[in-house]
């Protein structure tokens, strides 16, 4: 993924460390480099926004104590497959819903 323009920080470096950036687990100097890159590169900014939204959704939906750990694992596994391009989100959503116990669907 790249906009085709040269950047001081390469797109692959930004995408490889995106979750460190999202989780605030990198030095401030690296965060600044990433912020500059996002201002210059709309494809990376779009990927950042998508990953940020997924992270918020997972936290909201799976961050509760009453979610069974096996269901949480299945959801996270499907998210990983979707991110890698090995699965279509709509198919995974249907499969995840059919695997949930009745009480968890309500």
N, C-alpha and C. Protein backbone atom coordinates (compact mmCIF):
# COMPACT_ATOMS: atom_id res chain seq x y z
N UNK A 1 0.85 -1.17 0.00
CA UNK A 1 0.00 0.00 0.00
C UNK A 1 0.89 1.23 0.00
N UNK A 2 0.62 2.10 -0.93
CA UNK A 2 1.36 3.35 -1.01
C UNK A 2 0.62 4.28 -1.95
N UNK A 3 0.84 5.56 -1.75
CA UNK A 3 0.23 6.53 -2.65
C UNK A 3 1.11 6.76 -3.87
N UNK A 4 2.27 6.13 -3.93
CA UNK A 4 3.17 6.28 -5.05
C UNK A 4 4.16 7.41 -4.89
N UNK A 5 4.04 8.18 -3.85
CA UNK A 5 4.94 9.29 -3.59
C UNK A 5 6.03 8.86 -2.60
N UNK A 6 7.23 9.39 -2.74
CA UNK A 6 8.28 9.06 -1.76
C UNK A 6 8.01 9.75 -0.42
N UNK A 7 8.30 9.05 0.65
CA UNK A 7 8.11 9.58 1.99
C UNK A 7 9.38 9.36 2.81
N UNK A 8 9.57 10.21 3.79
CA UNK A 8 10.72 10.04 4.68
C UNK A 8 10.62 8.70 5.43
N UNK A 9 9.42 8.35 5.86
CA UNK A 9 9.16 7.07 6.51
C UNK A 9 8.40 6.20 5.53
N UNK A 10 8.95 5.04 5.19
CA UNK A 10 8.35 4.16 4.20
C UNK A 10 7.01 3.61 4.67
N UNK A 11 6.09 3.44 3.73
CA UNK A 11 4.76 2.91 4.05
C UNK A 11 4.84 1.56 4.76
N UNK A 12 5.74 0.70 4.31
CA UNK A 12 5.84 -0.63 4.93
C UNK A 12 6.23 -0.53 6.40
N UNK A 13 7.09 0.42 6.74
CA UNK A 13 7.46 0.61 8.15
C UNK A 13 6.25 1.08 8.96
N UNK A 14 5.50 2.00 8.40
CA UNK A 14 4.32 2.52 9.09
C UNK A 14 3.32 1.39 9.33
N UNK A 15 3.04 0.61 8.31
CA UNK A 15 2.05 -0.46 8.43
C UNK A 15 2.53 -1.59 9.33
N UNK A 16 3.83 -1.87 9.32
CA UNK A 16 4.39 -2.92 10.19
C UNK A 16 4.28 -2.56 11.66
N UNK A 17 4.27 -1.27 11.96
CA UNK A 17 4.26 -0.82 13.37
C UNK A 17 2.98 -0.06 13.72
N UNK A 18 1.94 -0.27 12.93
CA UNK A 18 0.70 0.48 13.12
C UNK A 18 0.08 0.25 14.49
N UNK A 19 0.09 -0.99 14.97
CA UNK A 19 -0.53 -1.25 16.27
C UNK A 19 0.29 -0.69 17.42
N UNK A 20 1.58 -0.61 17.25
CA UNK A 20 2.40 0.06 18.27
C UNK A 20 2.00 1.53 18.35
N UNK A 21 1.76 2.13 17.19
CA UNK A 21 1.32 3.52 17.16
C UNK A 21 -0.06 3.65 17.79
N UNK A 22 -0.99 2.79 17.40
CA UNK A 22 -2.35 2.85 17.94
C UNK A 22 -2.38 2.64 19.45
N UNK A 23 -1.51 1.78 19.94
CA UNK A 23 -1.48 1.45 21.37
C UNK A 23 -0.56 2.36 22.18
N UNK A 24 0.00 3.37 21.52
CA UNK A 24 0.91 4.33 22.18
C UNK A 24 2.09 3.60 22.82
N UNK A 25 2.67 2.67 22.07
CA UNK A 25 3.78 1.86 22.57
C UNK A 25 5.08 2.15 21.82
N UNK A 26 5.22 3.37 21.34
CA UNK A 26 6.45 3.74 20.64
C UNK A 26 6.90 5.11 21.13
N UNK A 27 8.18 5.38 20.95
CA UNK A 27 8.71 6.69 21.38
C UNK A 27 8.01 7.84 20.66
N UNK A 28 7.97 8.98 21.32
CA UNK A 28 7.32 10.17 20.76
C UNK A 28 7.90 10.55 19.40
N UNK A 29 9.21 10.38 19.23
CA UNK A 29 9.83 10.74 17.95
C UNK A 29 9.29 9.87 16.82
N UNK A 30 9.05 8.59 17.08
CA UNK A 30 8.48 7.71 16.06
C UNK A 30 7.02 8.07 15.80
N UNK A 31 6.30 8.42 16.86
CA UNK A 31 4.90 8.84 16.70
C UNK A 31 4.82 10.06 15.79
N UNK A 32 5.72 10.98 15.97
CA UNK A 32 5.75 12.18 15.15
C UNK A 32 6.00 11.83 13.69
N UNK A 33 6.94 10.90 13.43
CA UNK A 33 7.21 10.46 12.06
C UNK A 33 5.96 9.86 11.43
N UNK A 34 5.24 9.05 12.20
CA UNK A 34 4.04 8.41 11.69
C UNK A 34 2.96 9.45 11.40
N UNK A 35 2.80 10.43 12.28
CA UNK A 35 1.80 11.47 12.07
C UNK A 35 2.09 12.26 10.80
N UNK A 36 3.37 12.57 10.58
CA UNK A 36 3.76 13.27 9.36
C UNK A 36 3.44 12.41 8.14
N UNK A 37 3.73 11.11 8.25
CA UNK A 37 3.45 10.20 7.15
C UNK A 37 1.96 10.16 6.84
N UNK A 38 1.12 10.08 7.86
CA UNK A 38 -0.32 10.04 7.64
C UNK A 38 -0.82 11.31 6.96
N UNK A 39 -0.20 12.45 7.25
CA UNK A 39 -0.58 13.71 6.59
C UNK A 39 -0.26 13.68 5.10
N UNK A 40 0.79 12.93 4.74
CA UNK A 40 1.25 12.88 3.34
C UNK A 40 0.66 11.73 2.54
N UNK A 41 0.20 10.67 3.21
CA UNK A 41 -0.13 9.43 2.52
C UNK A 41 -1.56 8.99 2.85
N UNK A 42 -2.48 9.27 1.95
CA UNK A 42 -3.88 8.94 2.22
C UNK A 42 -4.16 7.43 2.32
N UNK A 43 -3.48 6.55 1.56
CA UNK A 43 -3.75 5.12 1.75
C UNK A 43 -3.36 4.64 3.16
N UNK A 44 -2.26 5.10 3.68
CA UNK A 44 -1.86 4.72 5.04
C UNK A 44 -2.79 5.34 6.08
N UNK A 45 -3.23 6.57 5.83
CA UNK A 45 -4.18 7.21 6.73
C UNK A 45 -5.49 6.43 6.75
N UNK A 46 -5.92 5.96 5.59
CA UNK A 46 -7.15 5.17 5.51
C UNK A 46 -6.99 3.85 6.28
N UNK A 47 -5.85 3.19 6.12
CA UNK A 47 -5.58 1.94 6.84
C UNK A 47 -5.55 2.20 8.35
N UNK A 48 -4.93 3.29 8.75
CA UNK A 48 -4.90 3.68 10.16
C UNK A 48 -6.32 3.86 10.70
N UNK A 49 -7.16 4.57 9.94
CA UNK A 49 -8.53 4.79 10.37
C UNK A 49 -9.31 3.50 10.49
N UNK A 50 -9.11 2.59 9.55
CA UNK A 50 -9.79 1.30 9.59
C UNK A 50 -9.35 0.50 10.81
N UNK A 51 -8.06 0.42 11.04
CA UNK A 51 -7.56 -0.35 12.18
C UNK A 51 -7.98 0.28 13.50
N UNK A 52 -8.03 1.60 13.55
CA UNK A 52 -8.48 2.29 14.75
C UNK A 52 -9.96 1.97 15.02
N UNK A 53 -10.76 1.95 13.98
CA UNK A 53 -12.18 1.62 14.13
C UNK A 53 -12.38 0.18 14.58
N UNK A 54 -11.61 -0.74 14.00
CA UNK A 54 -11.70 -2.15 14.39
C UNK A 54 -11.31 -2.31 15.85
N UNK A 55 -10.25 -1.65 16.24
CA UNK A 55 -9.78 -1.73 17.63
C UNK A 55 -10.86 -1.23 18.59
N UNK A 56 -11.51 -0.13 18.27
CA UNK A 56 -12.58 0.41 19.12
C UNK A 56 -13.77 -0.54 19.17
N UNK A 57 -14.12 -1.11 18.02
CA UNK A 57 -15.24 -2.04 17.97
C UNK A 57 -14.96 -3.29 18.80
N UNK A 58 -13.78 -3.83 18.68
CA UNK A 58 -13.42 -5.02 19.45
C UNK A 58 -13.43 -4.70 20.94
N UNK A 59 -12.91 -3.54 21.30
CA UNK A 59 -12.90 -3.16 22.71
C UNK A 59 -14.32 -3.03 23.24
N UNK A 60 -15.19 -2.42 22.45
CA UNK A 60 -16.57 -2.23 22.87
C UNK A 60 -17.32 -3.56 22.95
N UNK A 61 -17.12 -4.41 21.97
CA UNK A 61 -17.90 -5.65 21.89
C UNK A 61 -17.29 -6.81 22.67
N UNK A 62 -15.99 -6.85 22.75
CA UNK A 62 -15.32 -8.01 23.36
C UNK A 62 -14.59 -7.65 24.64
N UNK A 63 -14.67 -6.43 25.07
CA UNK A 63 -13.95 -6.01 26.25
C UNK A 63 -14.70 -6.25 27.54
N UNK A 64 -15.88 -6.84 27.43
CA UNK A 64 -16.68 -7.08 28.63
C UNK A 64 -16.32 -8.43 29.24
N UNK A 65 -16.44 -8.53 30.55
CA UNK A 65 -16.07 -9.75 31.25
C UNK A 65 -17.01 -10.91 30.95
N UNK A 66 -18.25 -10.63 30.56
CA UNK A 66 -19.21 -11.70 30.38
C UNK A 66 -19.15 -12.37 29.00
N UNK A 67 -18.22 -11.97 28.15
CA UNK A 67 -18.05 -12.61 26.85
C UNK A 67 -17.19 -13.86 27.04
N UNK A 68 -17.71 -15.03 26.60
CA UNK A 68 -16.94 -16.27 26.74
C UNK A 68 -15.60 -16.17 26.01
N UNK A 69 -14.55 -16.69 26.62
CA UNK A 69 -13.21 -16.58 26.05
C UNK A 69 -13.11 -17.28 24.70
N UNK A 70 -13.83 -18.39 24.50
CA UNK A 70 -13.77 -19.07 23.20
C UNK A 70 -14.42 -18.23 22.10
N UNK A 71 -15.49 -17.51 22.42
CA UNK A 71 -16.11 -16.62 21.45
C UNK A 71 -15.18 -15.46 21.12
N UNK A 72 -14.56 -14.90 22.14
CA UNK A 72 -13.60 -13.81 21.92
C UNK A 72 -12.47 -14.28 21.00
N UNK A 73 -11.97 -15.48 21.23
CA UNK A 73 -10.90 -16.02 20.40
C UNK A 73 -11.35 -16.19 18.95
N UNK A 74 -12.57 -16.70 18.75
CA UNK A 74 -13.10 -16.87 17.40
C UNK A 74 -13.23 -15.53 16.68
N UNK A 75 -13.75 -14.54 17.38
CA UNK A 75 -13.91 -13.21 16.77
C UNK A 75 -12.56 -12.63 16.39
N UNK A 76 -11.60 -12.72 17.30
CA UNK A 76 -10.27 -12.18 17.01
C UNK A 76 -9.62 -12.94 15.86
N UNK A 77 -9.82 -14.25 15.80
CA UNK A 77 -9.28 -15.04 14.70
C UNK A 77 -9.86 -14.62 13.36
N UNK A 78 -11.16 -14.35 13.34
CA UNK A 78 -11.81 -13.91 12.11
C UNK A 78 -11.33 -12.52 11.70
N UNK A 79 -11.13 -11.66 12.66
CA UNK A 79 -10.61 -10.32 12.35
C UNK A 79 -9.23 -10.45 11.71
N UNK A 80 -8.40 -11.32 12.25
CA UNK A 80 -7.07 -11.53 11.66
C UNK A 80 -7.18 -12.04 10.22
N UNK A 81 -8.12 -12.97 9.96
CA UNK A 81 -8.31 -13.48 8.60
C UNK A 81 -8.77 -12.38 7.65
N UNK A 82 -9.68 -11.54 8.11
CA UNK A 82 -10.18 -10.44 7.28
C UNK A 82 -9.04 -9.48 6.96
N UNK A 83 -8.25 -9.14 7.96
CA UNK A 83 -7.13 -8.22 7.74
C UNK A 83 -6.14 -8.78 6.74
N UNK A 84 -5.92 -10.09 6.79
CA UNK A 84 -4.94 -10.71 5.89
C UNK A 84 -5.51 -10.92 4.48
N UNK A 85 -6.82 -10.67 4.31
CA UNK A 85 -7.43 -10.83 3.00
C UNK A 85 -7.87 -12.24 2.71
N UNK A 86 -7.84 -13.12 3.70
CA UNK A 86 -8.20 -14.52 3.49
C UNK A 86 -9.68 -14.79 3.71
N UNK A 87 -10.44 -13.79 4.13
CA UNK A 87 -11.86 -13.98 4.39
C UNK A 87 -12.62 -12.70 4.06
N UNK A 88 -13.86 -12.87 3.71
CA UNK A 88 -14.74 -11.74 3.42
C UNK A 88 -15.50 -11.42 4.70
N UNK A 89 -15.54 -10.15 5.12
CA UNK A 89 -16.18 -9.79 6.39
C UNK A 89 -17.61 -10.29 6.52
N UNK A 90 -18.43 -10.19 5.48
CA UNK A 90 -19.82 -10.59 5.59
C UNK A 90 -19.94 -12.08 5.89
N UNK A 91 -19.10 -12.90 5.27
CA UNK A 91 -19.13 -14.34 5.52
C UNK A 91 -18.75 -14.63 6.97
N UNK A 92 -17.75 -13.96 7.45
CA UNK A 92 -17.30 -14.20 8.82
C UNK A 92 -18.35 -13.78 9.83
N UNK A 93 -19.04 -12.68 9.58
CA UNK A 93 -20.06 -12.21 10.50
C UNK A 93 -21.17 -13.25 10.60
N UNK A 94 -21.60 -13.79 9.48
CA UNK A 94 -22.64 -14.80 9.47
C UNK A 94 -22.18 -16.05 10.22
N UNK A 95 -20.96 -16.47 9.98
CA UNK A 95 -20.43 -17.66 10.65
C UNK A 95 -20.31 -17.43 12.15
N UNK A 96 -19.85 -16.25 12.55
CA UNK A 96 -19.70 -15.96 13.98
C UNK A 96 -21.06 -15.95 14.67
N UNK A 97 -22.08 -15.39 14.01
CA UNK A 97 -23.40 -15.34 14.62
C UNK A 97 -24.00 -16.73 14.78
N UNK A 98 -23.75 -17.61 13.80
CA UNK A 98 -24.32 -18.95 13.88
C UNK A 98 -23.63 -19.81 14.93
N UNK A 99 -22.40 -19.44 15.31
CA UNK A 99 -21.67 -20.22 16.30
C UNK A 99 -21.93 -19.76 17.72
N UNK A 100 -22.57 -18.60 17.90
CA UNK A 100 -22.81 -18.07 19.24
C UNK A 100 -23.94 -18.86 19.91
N UNK A 101 -23.79 -19.09 21.22
CA UNK A 101 -24.91 -19.67 21.97
C UNK A 101 -26.09 -18.69 21.94
N UNK A 102 -27.29 -19.19 22.07
CA UNK A 102 -28.49 -18.36 21.99
C UNK A 102 -28.46 -17.21 22.98
N UNK A 103 -28.02 -17.46 24.21
CA UNK A 103 -27.98 -16.40 25.23
C UNK A 103 -27.03 -15.28 24.83
N UNK A 104 -25.94 -15.60 24.13
CA UNK A 104 -24.96 -14.57 23.78
C UNK A 104 -25.48 -13.68 22.64
N UNK A 105 -26.44 -14.17 21.84
CA UNK A 105 -26.97 -13.38 20.73
C UNK A 105 -27.88 -12.26 21.21
N UNK A 106 -28.49 -12.42 22.35
CA UNK A 106 -29.48 -11.45 22.82
C UNK A 106 -28.86 -10.24 23.41
